[in-house]
PDB file of N, CA and C in Angstrom:
ATOM      1  N   MET A   1     -55.679  65.116 -23.588  1.00  0.00           N
ATOM      2  CA  MET A   1     -55.226  63.893 -23.005  1.00  0.00           C
ATOM      3  C   MET A   1     -53.954  63.347 -23.680  1.00  0.00           C
ATOM      4  N   ILE A   2     -53.891  63.500 -24.994  1.00  0.00           N
ATOM      5  CA  ILE A   2     -52.711  63.047 -25.713  1.00  0.00           C
ATOM      6  C   ILE A   2     -51.507  63.895 -25.299  1.00  0.00           C
ATOM      7  N   LYS A   3     -51.724  65.203 -25.099  1.00  0.00           N
ATOM      8  CA  LYS A   3     -50.628  66.070 -24.696  1.00  0.00           C
ATOM      9  C   LYS A   3     -50.106  65.656 -23.291  1.00  0.00           C
ATOM     10  N   VAL A   4     -50.977  65.303 -22.392  1.00  0.00           N
ATOM     11  CA  VAL A   4     -50.588  64.888 -21.061  1.00  0.00           C
ATOM     12  C   VAL A   4     -49.780  63.583 -21.146  1.00  0.00           C
ATOM     13  N   LEU A   5     -50.224  62.618 -21.945  1.00  0.00           N
ATOM     14  CA  LEU A   5     -49.467  61.352 -22.073  1.00  0.00           C
ATOM     15  C   LEU A   5     -48.125  61.606 -22.740  1.00  0.00           C
ATOM     16  N   SER A   6     -48.079  62.480 -23.728  1.00  0.00           N
ATOM     17  CA  SER A   6     -46.771  62.813 -24.358  1.00  0.00           C
ATOM     18  C   SER A   6     -45.812  63.450 -23.398  1.00  0.00           C
ATOM     19  N   LEU A   7     -46.327  64.381 -22.599  1.00  0.00           N
ATOM     20  CA  LEU A   7     -45.499  65.020 -21.572  1.00  0.00           C
ATOM     21  C   LEU A   7     -45.015  64.021 -20.515  1.00  0.00           C
ATOM     22  N   ALA A   8     -45.883  63.142 -20.115  1.00  0.00           N
ATOM     23  CA  ALA A   8     -45.512  62.124 -19.116  1.00  0.00           C
ATOM     24  C   ALA A   8     -44.451  61.218 -19.704  1.00  0.00           C
ATOM     25  N   GLY A   9     -44.629  60.823 -20.968  1.00  0.00           N
ATOM     26  CA  GLY A   9     -43.613  59.985 -21.630  1.00  0.00           C
ATOM     27  C   GLY A   9     -42.262  60.678 -21.762  1.00  0.00           C
ATOM     28  N   LEU A  10     -42.260  61.992 -22.073  1.00  0.00           N
ATOM     29  CA  LEU A  10     -41.046  62.769 -22.158  1.00  0.00           C
ATOM     30  C   LEU A  10     -40.308  62.827 -20.807  1.00  0.00           C
ATOM     31  N   VAL A  11     -41.066  63.066 -19.738  1.00  0.00           N
ATOM     32  CA  VAL A  11     -40.490  63.119 -18.401  1.00  0.00           C
ATOM     33  C   VAL A  11     -39.871  61.735 -18.049  1.00  0.00           C
ATOM     34  N   LEU A  12     -40.583  60.653 -18.373  1.00  0.00           N
ATOM     35  CA  LEU A  12     -40.067  59.336 -18.080  1.00  0.00           C
ATOM     36  C   LEU A  12     -38.757  59.045 -18.835  1.00  0.00           C
ATOM     37  N   VAL A  13     -38.684  59.422 -20.090  1.00  0.00           N
ATOM     38  CA  VAL A  13     -37.485  59.221 -20.879  1.00  0.00           C
ATOM     39  C   VAL A  13     -36.340  60.095 -20.358  1.00  0.00           C
ATOM     40  N   SER A  14     -36.640  61.312 -19.954  1.00  0.00           N
ATOM     41  CA  SER A  14     -35.609  62.178 -19.405  1.00  0.00           C
ATOM     42  C   SER A  14     -35.031  61.648 -18.104  1.00  0.00           C
ATOM     43  N   THR A  15     -35.913  61.118 -17.232  1.00  0.00           N
ATOM     44  CA  THR A  15     -35.460  60.547 -15.977  1.00  0.00           C
ATOM     45  C   THR A  15     -34.585  59.334 -16.229  1.00  0.00           C
ATOM     46  N   ALA A  16     -34.919  58.483 -17.144  1.00  0.00           N
ATOM     47  CA  ALA A  16     -34.131  57.312 -17.464  1.00  0.00           C
ATOM     48  C   ALA A  16     -32.781  57.709 -18.027  1.00  0.00           C
ATOM     49  N   SER A  17     -32.689  58.784 -18.786  1.00  0.00           N
ATOM     50  CA  SER A  17     -31.439  59.233 -19.329  1.00  0.00           C
ATOM     51  C   SER A  17     -30.524  59.725 -18.205  1.00  0.00           C
ATOM     52  N   PHE A  18     -31.061  60.478 -17.254  1.00  0.00           N
ATOM     53  CA  PHE A  18     -30.230  60.950 -16.147  1.00  0.00           C
ATOM     54  C   PHE A  18     -29.783  59.775 -15.299  1.00  0.00           C
ATOM     55  N   ALA A  19     -30.609  58.785 -15.099  1.00  0.00           N
ATOM     56  CA  ALA A  19     -30.216  57.623 -14.307  1.00  0.00           C
ATOM     57  C   ALA A  19     -29.043  56.878 -15.001  1.00  0.00           C
ATOM     58  N   GLY A  20     -29.107  56.828 -16.323  1.00  0.00           N
ATOM     59  CA  GLY A  20     -28.010  56.146 -17.029  1.00  0.00           C
ATOM     60  C   GLY A  20     -26.717  56.903 -16.941  1.00  0.00           C
ATOM     61  N   LEU A  21     -26.735  58.225 -16.861  1.00  0.00           N
ATOM     62  CA  LEU A  21     -25.529  58.999 -16.759  1.00  0.00           C
ATOM     63  C   LEU A  21     -24.843  58.848 -15.404  1.00  0.00           C
ATOM     64  N   SER A  22     -25.611  58.611 -14.396  1.00  0.00           N
ATOM     65  CA  SER A  22     -25.043  58.577 -13.042  1.00  0.00           C
ATOM     66  C   SER A  22     -24.275  57.277 -12.811  1.00  0.00           C
ATOM     67  N   GLY A  23     -24.521  56.230 -13.536  1.00  0.00           N
ATOM     68  CA  GLY A  23     -23.804  54.986 -13.366  1.00  0.00           C
ATOM     69  C   GLY A  23     -24.211  54.297 -12.058  1.00  0.00           C
ATOM     70  N   SER A  24     -23.879  53.049 -11.954  1.00  0.00           N
ATOM     71  CA  SER A  24     -24.249  52.371 -10.739  1.00  0.00           C
ATOM     72  C   SER A  24     -23.071  52.284  -9.797  1.00  0.00           C
ATOM     73  N   TYR A  25     -23.381  52.350  -8.522  1.00  0.00           N
ATOM     74  CA  TYR A  25     -22.347  52.260  -7.492  1.00  0.00           C
ATOM     75  C   TYR A  25     -22.163  50.824  -7.083  1.00  0.00           C
ATOM     76  N   GLU A  26     -20.979  50.514  -6.680  1.00  0.00           N
ATOM     77  CA  GLU A  26     -20.627  49.170  -6.139  1.00  0.00           C
ATOM     78  C   GLU A  26     -20.185  49.445  -4.716  1.00  0.00           C
ATOM     79  N   THR A  27     -20.204  48.351  -3.941  1.00  0.00           N
ATOM     80  CA  THR A  27     -19.767  48.448  -2.550  1.00  0.00           C
ATOM     81  C   THR A  27     -18.427  47.697  -2.419  1.00  0.00           C
ATOM     82  N   ARG A  28     -17.548  48.274  -1.707  1.00  0.00           N
ATOM     83  CA  ARG A  28     -16.211  47.659  -1.452  1.00  0.00           C
ATOM     84  C   ARG A  28     -15.989  47.582   0.040  1.00  0.00           C
ATOM     85  N   VAL A  29     -15.424  46.471   0.472  1.00  0.00           N
ATOM     86  CA  VAL A  29     -14.977  46.302   1.864  1.00  0.00           C
ATOM     87  C   VAL A  29     -13.454  46.232   1.809  1.00  0.00           C
ATOM     88  N   THR A  30     -12.818  47.059   2.630  1.00  0.00           N
ATOM     89  CA  THR A  30     -11.356  47.117   2.614  1.00  0.00           C
ATOM     90  C   THR A  30     -10.798  47.316   4.019  1.00  0.00           C
ATOM     91  N   THR A  31      -9.536  47.129   4.188  1.00  0.00           N
ATOM     92  CA  THR A  31      -8.887  47.298   5.494  1.00  0.00           C
ATOM     93  C   THR A  31      -7.694  48.256   5.365  1.00  0.00           C
ATOM     94  N   SER A  32      -7.330  48.870   6.452  1.00  0.00           N
ATOM     95  CA  SER A  32      -6.136  49.657   6.458  1.00  0.00           C
ATOM     96  C   SER A  32      -5.592  49.685   7.889  1.00  0.00           C
ATOM     97  N   SER A  33      -4.366  50.108   8.014  1.00  0.00           N
ATOM     98  CA  SER A  33      -3.698  50.157   9.357  1.00  0.00           C
ATOM     99  C   SER A  33      -3.207  51.547   9.612  1.00  0.00           C
ATOM    100  N   MET A  34      -3.234  51.951  10.830  1.00  0.00           N
ATOM    101  CA  MET A  34      -2.657  53.213  11.287  1.00  0.00           C
ATOM    102  C   MET A  34      -1.757  52.922  12.481  1.00  0.00           C
ATOM    103  N   VAL A  35      -0.626  53.544  12.538  1.00  0.00           N
ATOM    104  CA  VAL A  35       0.312  53.316  13.659  1.00  0.00           C
ATOM    105  C   VAL A  35       0.430  54.554  14.490  1.00  0.00           C
ATOM    106  N   GLY A  36       0.580  54.325  15.769  1.00  0.00           N
ATOM    107  CA  GLY A  36       0.820  55.404  16.740  1.00  0.00           C
ATOM    108  C   GLY A  36       2.290  55.557  17.017  1.00  0.00           C
ATOM    109  N   GLU A  37       2.593  56.503  17.871  1.00  0.00           N
ATOM    110  CA  GLU A  37       3.994  56.755  18.245  1.00  0.00           C
ATOM    111  C   GLU A  37       4.456  55.703  19.216  1.00  0.00           C
ATOM    112  N   PRO A  38       5.735  55.277  19.084  1.00  0.00           N
ATOM    113  CA  PRO A  38       6.301  54.337  20.055  1.00  0.00           C
ATOM    114  C   PRO A  38       6.365  54.943  21.432  1.00  0.00           C
ATOM    115  N   VAL A  39       6.047  54.124  22.442  1.00  0.00           N
ATOM    116  CA  VAL A  39       6.077  54.559  23.837  1.00  0.00           C
ATOM    117  C   VAL A  39       6.876  53.535  24.662  1.00  0.00           C
ATOM    118  N   ALA A  40       7.165  53.875  25.890  1.00  0.00           N
ATOM    119  CA  ALA A  40       8.070  53.065  26.754  1.00  0.00           C
ATOM    120  C   ALA A  40       7.435  51.783  27.320  1.00  0.00           C
ATOM    121  N   SER A  41       6.130  51.766  27.478  1.00  0.00           N
ATOM    122  CA  SER A  41       5.522  50.556  28.089  1.00  0.00           C
ATOM    123  C   SER A  41       4.322  50.036  27.281  1.00  0.00           C
ATOM    124  N   LYS A  42       3.973  48.778  27.523  1.00  0.00           N
ATOM    125  CA  LYS A  42       2.779  48.208  26.851  1.00  0.00           C
ATOM    126  C   LYS A  42       1.522  48.903  27.299  1.00  0.00           C
ATOM    127  N   GLU A  43       1.462  49.247  28.597  1.00  0.00           N
ATOM    128  CA  GLU A  43       0.283  49.872  29.112  1.00  0.00           C
ATOM    129  C   GLU A  43       0.022  51.242  28.448  1.00  0.00           C
ATOM    130  N   ALA A  44       1.125  51.973  28.267  1.00  0.00           N
ATOM    131  CA  ALA A  44       1.009  53.280  27.591  1.00  0.00           C
ATOM    132  C   ALA A  44       0.598  53.070  26.141  1.00  0.00           C
ATOM    133  N   ALA A  45       1.095  52.027  25.500  1.00  0.00           N
ATOM    134  CA  ALA A  45       0.733  51.759  24.101  1.00  0.00           C
ATOM    135  C   ALA A  45      -0.747  51.393  23.963  1.00  0.00           C
ATOM    136  N   TYR A  46      -1.221  50.581  24.914  1.00  0.00           N
ATOM    137  CA  TYR A  46      -2.649  50.220  24.921  1.00  0.00           C
ATOM    138  C   TYR A  46      -3.528  51.462  25.144  1.00  0.00           C
ATOM    139  N   ALA A  47      -3.094  52.310  26.070  1.00  0.00           N
ATOM    140  CA  ALA A  47      -3.838  53.579  26.320  1.00  0.00           C
ATOM    141  C   ALA A  47      -3.881  54.458  25.063  1.00  0.00           C
ATOM    142  N   ALA A  48      -2.758  54.566  24.374  1.00  0.00           N
ATOM    143  CA  ALA A  48      -2.697  55.380  23.152  1.00  0.00           C
ATOM    144  C   ALA A  48      -3.592  54.709  22.076  1.00  0.00           C
ATOM    145  N   GLY A  49      -3.559  53.386  22.009  1.00  0.00           N
ATOM    146  CA  GLY A  49      -4.393  52.658  21.061  1.00  0.00           C
ATOM    147  C   GLY A  49      -5.861  52.847  21.333  1.00  0.00           C
ATOM    148  N   LYS A  50      -6.229  52.838  22.616  1.00  0.00           N
ATOM    149  CA  LYS A  50      -7.603  53.072  22.968  1.00  0.00           C
ATOM    150  C   LYS A  50      -8.097  54.423  22.532  1.00  0.00           C
ATOM    151  N   MET A  51      -7.227  55.434  22.684  1.00  0.00           N
ATOM    152  CA  MET A  51      -7.591  56.797  22.246  1.00  0.00           C
ATOM    153  C   MET A  51      -7.752  56.819  20.713  1.00  0.00           C
ATOM    154  N   MET A  52      -6.879  56.082  20.002  1.00  0.00           N
ATOM    155  CA  MET A  52      -7.001  56.021  18.567  1.00  0.00           C
ATOM    156  C   MET A  52      -8.339  55.418  18.162  1.00  0.00           C
ATOM    157  N   LEU A  53      -8.732  54.345  18.831  1.00  0.00           N
ATOM    158  CA  LEU A  53     -10.042  53.697  18.561  1.00  0.00           C
ATOM    159  C   LEU A  53     -11.205  54.624  18.816  1.00  0.00           C
ATOM    160  N   GLN A  54     -11.143  55.303  19.979  1.00  0.00           N
ATOM    161  CA  GLN A  54     -12.227  56.248  20.318  1.00  0.00           C
ATOM    162  C   GLN A  54     -12.320  57.369  19.264  1.00  0.00           C
ATOM    163  N   ASP A  55     -11.186  57.840  18.805  1.00  0.00           N
ATOM    164  CA  ASP A  55     -11.189  58.882  17.808  1.00  0.00           C
ATOM    165  C   ASP A  55     -11.805  58.412  16.506  1.00  0.00           C
ATOM    166  N   VAL A  56     -11.476  57.200  16.042  1.00  0.00           N
ATOM    167  CA  VAL A  56     -12.000  56.686  14.807  1.00  0.00           C
ATOM    168  C   VAL A  56     -13.511  56.395  14.961  1.00  0.00           C
ATOM    169  N   ASN A  57     -13.897  55.812  16.067  1.00  0.00           N
ATOM    170  CA  ASN A  57     -15.323  55.481  16.286  1.00  0.00           C
ATOM    171  C   ASN A  57     -16.188  56.727  16.349  1.00  0.00           C
ATOM    172  N   ALA A  58     -15.610  57.861  16.744  1.00  0.00           N
ATOM    173  CA  ALA A  58     -16.417  59.098  16.841  1.00  0.00           C
ATOM    174  C   ALA A  58     -16.523  59.860  15.520  1.00  0.00           C
ATOM    175  N   GLN A  59     -15.803  59.444  14.524  1.00  0.00           N
ATOM    176  CA  GLN A  59     -15.818  60.171  13.242  1.00  0.00           C
ATOM    177  C   GLN A  59     -17.082  59.920  12.438  1.00  0.00           C
ATOM    178  N   SER A  60     -17.526  60.929  11.708  1.00  0.00           N
ATOM    179  CA  SER A  60     -18.662  60.791  10.815  1.00  0.00           C
ATOM    180  C   SER A  60     -18.240  60.033   9.562  1.00  0.00           C
ATOM    181  N   PRO A  61     -19.160  59.534   8.767  1.00  0.00           N
ATOM    182  CA  PRO A  61     -18.775  58.897   7.511  1.00  0.00           C
ATOM    183  C   PRO A  61     -17.902  59.752   6.649  1.00  0.00           C
ATOM    184  N   ARG A  62     -18.191  61.037   6.551  1.00  0.00           N
ATOM    185  CA  ARG A  62     -17.394  61.937   5.716  1.00  0.00           C
ATOM    186  C   ARG A  62     -15.973  62.080   6.268  1.00  0.00           C
ATOM    187  N   GLU A  63     -15.823  62.156   7.577  1.00  0.00           N
ATOM    188  CA  GLU A  63     -14.474  62.240   8.165  1.00  0.00           C
ATOM    189  C   GLU A  63     -13.713  60.943   7.977  1.00  0.00           C
ATOM    190  N   LEU A  64     -14.396  59.814   8.109  1.00  0.00           N
ATOM    191  CA  LEU A  64     -13.779  58.530   7.846  1.00  0.00           C
ATOM    192  C   LEU A  64     -13.260  58.449   6.397  1.00  0.00           C
ATOM    193  N   GLY A  65     -14.078  58.972   5.481  1.00  0.00           N
ATOM    194  CA  GLY A  65     -13.707  58.993   4.072  1.00  0.00           C
ATOM    195  C   GLY A  65     -12.481  59.869   3.793  1.00  0.00           C
ATOM    196  N   GLN A  66     -12.316  60.899   4.540  1.00  0.00           N
ATOM    197  CA  GLN A  66     -11.167  61.790   4.355  1.00  0.00           C
ATOM    198  C   GLN A  66      -9.904  61.176   4.980  1.00  0.00           C
ATOM    199  N   ASN A  67     -10.061  60.403   6.063  1.00  0.00           N
ATOM    200  CA  ASN A  67      -8.903  59.890   6.763  1.00  0.00           C
ATOM    201  C   ASN A  67      -8.470  58.474   6.344  1.00  0.00           C
ATOM    202  N   ALA A  68      -9.398  57.683   5.832  1.00  0.00           N
ATOM    203  CA  ALA A  68      -9.086  56.316   5.437  1.00  0.00           C
ATOM    204  C   ALA A  68      -8.484  56.310   4.039  1.00  0.00           C
ATOM    205  N   TYR A  69      -7.745  55.309   3.717  1.00  0.00           N
ATOM    206  CA  TYR A  69      -7.167  55.148   2.376  1.00  0.00           C
ATOM    207  C   TYR A  69      -8.287  54.589   1.456  1.00  0.00           C
ATOM    208  N   LEU A  70      -8.694  55.427   0.530  1.00  0.00           N
ATOM    209  CA  LEU A  70      -9.688  55.060  -0.486  1.00  0.00           C
ATOM    210  C   LEU A  70      -9.018  55.137  -1.836  1.00  0.00           C
ATOM    211  N   ASN A  71      -9.332  54.248  -2.736  1.00  0.00           N
ATOM    212  CA  ASN A  71      -8.718  54.237  -4.083  1.00  0.00           C
ATOM    213  C   ASN A  71      -9.043  55.538  -4.787  1.00  0.00           C
ATOM    214  N   SER A  72      -8.034  56.314  -5.032  1.00  0.00           N
ATOM    215  CA  SER A  72      -8.240  57.660  -5.634  1.00  0.00           C
ATOM    216  C   SER A  72      -8.679  57.626  -7.091  1.00  0.00           C
ATOM    217  N   ASN A  73      -8.616  56.445  -7.722  1.00  0.00           N
ATOM    218  CA  ASN A  73      -9.061  56.334  -9.106  1.00  0.00           C
ATOM    219  C   ASN A  73     -10.589  56.160  -9.191  1.00  0.00           C
ATOM    220  N   ASP A  74     -11.223  55.905  -8.083  1.00  0.00           N
ATOM    221  CA  ASP A  74     -12.652  55.694  -8.084  1.00  0.00           C
ATOM    222  C   ASP A  74     -13.374  56.951  -7.676  1.00  0.00           C
ATOM    223  N   LEU A  75     -14.619  57.073  -8.033  1.00  0.00           N
ATOM    224  CA  LEU A  75     -15.475  58.126  -7.540  1.00  0.00           C
ATOM    225  C   LEU A  75     -16.184  57.577  -6.321  1.00  0.00           C
ATOM    226  N   VAL A  76     -15.773  58.031  -5.148  1.00  0.00           N
ATOM    227  CA  VAL A  76     -16.234  57.474  -3.879  1.00  0.00           C
ATOM    228  C   VAL A  76     -17.333  58.367  -3.297  1.00  0.00           C
ATOM    229  N   ASP A  77     -18.422  57.716  -2.861  1.00  0.00           N
ATOM    230  CA  ASP A  77     -19.446  58.421  -2.098  1.00  0.00           C
ATOM    231  C   ASP A  77     -18.954  58.469  -0.663  1.00  0.00           C
ATOM    232  N   LYS A  78     -18.344  59.593  -0.291  1.00  0.00           N
ATOM    233  CA  LYS A  78     -17.702  59.707   1.036  1.00  0.00           C
ATOM    234  C   LYS A  78     -18.700  59.676   2.172  1.00  0.00           C
ATOM    235  N   ARG A  79     -19.979  59.911   1.867  1.00  0.00           N
ATOM    236  CA  ARG A  79     -21.003  59.842   2.942  1.00  0.00           C
ATOM    237  C   ARG A  79     -21.347  58.381   3.238  1.00  0.00           C
ATOM    238  N   SER A  80     -20.894  57.453   2.410  1.00  0.00           N
ATOM    239  CA  SER A  80     -21.263  56.030   2.598  1.00  0.00           C
ATOM    240  C   SER A  80     -20.188  55.262   3.378  1.00  0.00           C
ATOM    241  N   VAL A  81     -19.100  55.880   3.742  1.00  0.00           N
ATOM    242  CA  VAL A  81     -18.047  55.159   4.465  1.00  0.00           C
ATOM    243  C   VAL A  81     -18.561  54.730   5.845  1.00  0.00           C
ATOM    244  N   GLU A  82     -18.429  53.449   6.113  1.00  0.00           N
ATOM    245  CA  GLU A  82     -18.919  52.906   7.361  1.00  0.00           C
ATOM    246  C   GLU A  82     -17.860  51.981   7.982  1.00  0.00           C
ATOM    247  N   LEU A  83     -17.582  52.212   9.237  1.00  0.00           N
ATOM    248  CA  LEU A  83     -16.627  51.379   9.974  1.00  0.00           C
ATOM    249  C   LEU A  83     -17.287  50.066  10.340  1.00  0.00           C
ATOM    250  N   LEU A  84     -16.632  48.970   9.969  1.00  0.00           N
ATOM    251  CA  LEU A  84     -17.179  47.635  10.294  1.00  0.00           C
ATOM    252  C   LEU A  84     -16.491  47.034  11.533  1.00  0.00           C
ATOM    253  N   ASP A  85     -15.186  47.222  11.636  1.00  0.00           N
ATOM    254  CA  ASP A  85     -14.475  46.598  12.744  1.00  0.00           C
ATOM    255  C   ASP A  85     -13.178  47.371  12.971  1.00  0.00           C
ATOM    256  N   SER A  86     -12.704  47.382  14.205  1.00  0.00           N
ATOM    257  CA  SER A  86     -11.429  48.016  14.481  1.00  0.00           C
ATOM    258  C   SER A  86     -10.796  47.270  15.659  1.00  0.00           C
ATOM    259  N   GLN A  87      -9.500  47.160  15.636  1.00  0.00           N
ATOM    260  CA  GLN A  87      -8.793  46.495  16.723  1.00  0.00           C
ATOM    261  C   GLN A  87      -7.377  47.057  16.871  1.00  0.00           C
ATOM    262  N   ILE A  88      -6.877  46.921  18.068  1.00  0.00           N
ATOM    263  CA  ILE A  88      -5.500  47.425  18.353  1.00  0.00           C
ATOM    264  C   ILE A  88      -4.600  46.240  18.660  1.00  0.00           C
ATOM    265  N   THR A  89      -3.436  46.291  18.066  1.00  0.00           N
ATOM    266  CA  THR A  89      -2.360  45.345  18.448  1.00  0.00           C
ATOM    267  C   THR A  89      -1.157  46.213  18.850  1.00  0.00           C
ATOM    268  N   ILE A  90      -0.287  45.608  19.619  1.00  0.00           N
ATOM    269  CA  ILE A  90       0.927  46.328  20.060  1.00  0.00           C
ATOM    270  C   ILE A  90       2.091  45.665  19.399  1.00  0.00           C
ATOM    271  N   LYS A  91       2.909  46.499  18.772  1.00  0.00           N
ATOM    272  CA  LYS A  91       4.116  46.032  18.068  1.00  0.00           C
ATOM    273  C   LYS A  91       5.340  46.406  18.926  1.00  0.00           C
ATOM    274  N   GLU A  92       6.199  45.462  19.141  1.00  0.00           N
ATOM    275  CA  GLU A  92       7.422  45.743  19.873  1.00  0.00           C
ATOM    276  C   GLU A  92       8.494  46.173  18.880  1.00  0.00           C
ATOM    277  N   VAL A  93       9.094  47.343  19.123  1.00  0.00           N
ATOM    278  CA  VAL A  93      10.105  47.856  18.213  1.00  0.00           C
ATOM    279  C   VAL A  93      11.347  48.274  18.975  1.00  0.00           C
ATOM    280  N   MET A  94      12.459  48.341  18.285  1.00  0.00           N
ATOM    281  CA  MET A  94      13.701  48.804  18.885  1.00  0.00           C
ATOM    282  C   MET A  94      14.013  50.173  18.323  1.00  0.00           C
ATOM    283  N   THR A  95      14.275  51.110  19.193  1.00  0.00           N
ATOM    284  CA  THR A  95      14.599  52.467  18.776  1.00  0.00           C
ATOM    285  C   THR A  95      16.061  52.532  18.273  1.00  0.00           C
ATOM    286  N   SER A  96      16.398  53.667  17.760  1.00  0.00           N
ATOM    287  CA  SER A  96      17.830  53.825  17.255  1.00  0.00           C
ATOM    288  C   SER A  96      18.836  53.779  18.408  1.00  0.00           C
ATOM    289  N   ASN A  97      18.345  54.033  19.624  1.00  0.00           N
ATOM    290  CA  ASN A  97      19.229  53.938  20.804  1.00  0.00           C
ATOM    291  C   ASN A  97      19.401  52.517  21.304  1.00  0.00           C
ATOM    292  N   GLY A  98      18.646  51.586  20.695  1.00  0.00           N
ATOM    293  CA  GLY A  98      18.707  50.205  21.148  1.00  0.00           C
ATOM    294  C   GLY A  98      17.705  49.862  22.260  1.00  0.00           C
ATOM    295  N   ASP A  99      16.859  50.845  22.604  1.00  0.00           N
ATOM    296  CA  ASP A  99      15.834  50.613  23.601  1.00  0.00           C
ATOM    297  C   ASP A  99      14.619  49.940  22.972  1.00  0.00           C
ATOM    298  N   ILE A 100      13.901  49.165  23.785  1.00  0.00           N
ATOM    299  CA  ILE A 100      12.660  48.520  23.337  1.00  0.00           C
ATOM    300  C   ILE A 100      11.524  49.511  23.581  1.00  0.00           C
ATOM    301  N   ALA A 101      10.681  49.677  22.544  1.00  0.00           N
ATOM    302  CA  ALA A 101       9.500  50.540  22.648  1.00  0.00           C
ATOM    303  C   ALA A 101       8.284  49.735  22.152  1.00  0.00           C
ATOM    304  N   TYR A 102       7.115  50.256  22.456  1.00  0.00           N
ATOM    305  CA  TYR A 102       5.860  49.590  22.115  1.00  0.00           C
ATOM    306  C   TYR A 102       5.038  50.574  21.273  1.00  0.00           C
ATOM    307  N   GLN A 103       4.547  50.093  20.172  1.00  0.00           N
ATOM    308  CA  GLN A 103       3.842  50.952  19.224  1.00  0.00           C
ATOM    309  C   GLN A 103       2.442  50.432  18.975  1.00  0.00           C
ATOM    310  N   PRO A 104       1.385  51.223  19.201  1.00  0.00           N
ATOM    311  CA  PRO A 104       0.043  50.776  18.932  1.00  0.00           C
ATOM    312  C   PRO A 104      -0.231  50.746  17.411  1.00  0.00           C
ATOM    313  N   VAL A 105      -0.839  49.679  16.937  1.00  0.00           N
ATOM    314  CA  VAL A 105      -1.223  49.562  15.555  1.00  0.00           C
ATOM    315  C   VAL A 105      -2.734  49.300  15.489  1.00  0.00           C
ATOM    316  N   MET A 106      -3.436  50.205  14.843  1.00  0.00           N
ATOM    317  CA  MET A 106      -4.894  50.072  14.705  1.00  0.00           C
ATOM    318  C   MET A 106      -5.221  49.535  13.319  1.00  0.00           C
ATOM    319  N   ASN A 107      -5.901  48.411  13.281  1.00  0.00           N
ATOM    320  CA  ASN A 107      -6.367  47.832  12.068  1.00  0.00           C
ATOM    321  C   ASN A 107      -7.839  48.106  11.953  1.00  0.00           C
ATOM    322  N   ILE A 108      -8.306  48.704  10.857  1.00  0.00           N
ATOM    323  CA  ILE A 108      -9.703  49.015  10.693  1.00  0.00           C
ATOM    324  C   ILE A 108     -10.213  48.354   9.400  1.00  0.00           C
ATOM    325  N   LYS A 109     -11.481  47.938   9.474  1.00  0.00           N
ATOM    326  CA  LYS A 109     -12.167  47.357   8.306  1.00  0.00           C
ATOM    327  C   LYS A 109     -13.371  48.252   8.066  1.00  0.00           C
ATOM    328  N   TYR A 110     -13.539  48.675   6.837  1.00  0.00           N
ATOM    329  CA  TYR A 110     -14.653  49.576   6.498  1.00  0.00           C
ATOM    330  C   TYR A 110     -15.194  49.283   5.146  1.00  0.00           C
ATOM    331  N   THR A 111     -16.383  49.816   4.871  1.00  0.00           N
ATOM    332  CA  THR A 111     -17.030  49.611   3.626  1.00  0.00           C
ATOM    333  C   THR A 111     -17.415  51.009   3.065  1.00  0.00           C
ATOM    334  N   TYR A 112     -17.522  51.095   1.766  1.00  0.00           N
ATOM    335  CA  TYR A 112     -17.942  52.333   1.102  1.00  0.00           C
ATOM    336  C   TYR A 112     -18.459  52.018  -0.272  1.00  0.00           C
ATOM    337  N   ARG A 113     -19.238  52.955  -0.779  1.00  0.00           N
ATOM    338  CA  ARG A 113     -19.776  52.845  -2.155  1.00  0.00           C
ATOM    339  C   ARG A 113     -18.884  53.638  -3.081  1.00  0.00           C
ATOM    340  N   PHE A 114     -18.680  53.081  -4.312  1.00  0.00           N
ATOM    341  CA  PHE A 114     -17.837  53.740  -5.280  1.00  0.00           C
ATOM    342  C   PHE A 114     -18.305  53.467  -6.673  1.00  0.00           C
ATOM    343  N   ARG A 115     -17.831  54.283  -7.580  1.00  0.00           N
ATOM    344  CA  ARG A 115     -18.114  54.118  -8.985  1.00  0.00           C
ATOM    345  C   ARG A 115     -16.800  54.282  -9.735  1.00  0.00           C
ATOM    346  N   GLU A 116     -16.488  53.394 -10.652  1.00  0.00           N
ATOM    347  CA  GLU A 116     -15.246  53.505 -11.390  1.00  0.00           C
ATOM    348  C   GLU A 116     -15.304  54.699 -12.360  1.00  0.00           C
ATOM    349  N   ARG A 117     -14.156  55.347 -12.543  1.00  0.00           N
ATOM    350  CA  ARG A 117     -14.081  56.441 -13.494  1.00  0.00           C
ATOM    351  C   ARG A 117     -14.099  55.843 -14.896  1.00  0.00           C
ATOM    352  N   GLU A 118     -14.722  56.540 -15.797  1.00  0.00           N
ATOM    353  CA  GLU A 118     -14.799  56.048 -17.191  1.00  0.00           C
ATOM    354  C   GLU A 118     -13.799  56.760 -18.031  1.00  0.00           C
TER     355      GLU A 118
END
């Protein structure tokens, strides 16, 4: 009986040691922007923006983690990346030829778990 209790105590201490090594994760909410190519009309810019939104919404958490800007100094759990909100705005720009063009800008808000490097 004493051997069983000693073994159980050893397993408990070992588990606690491993848990201490892993560190605790924190959650961060952040935003980023992605821009599309300038096009000739607002309608074309909205259509391109819609495709950008559909592409981002279809990505898995791992794909989002690879494509979104995440602080490279942190240890990020890329499986935890979750899209919270996304929206498209159209930016009016002037090309080098002096023509007016319209550029879709996608703003995304996402959350992920991370651990700071020690």
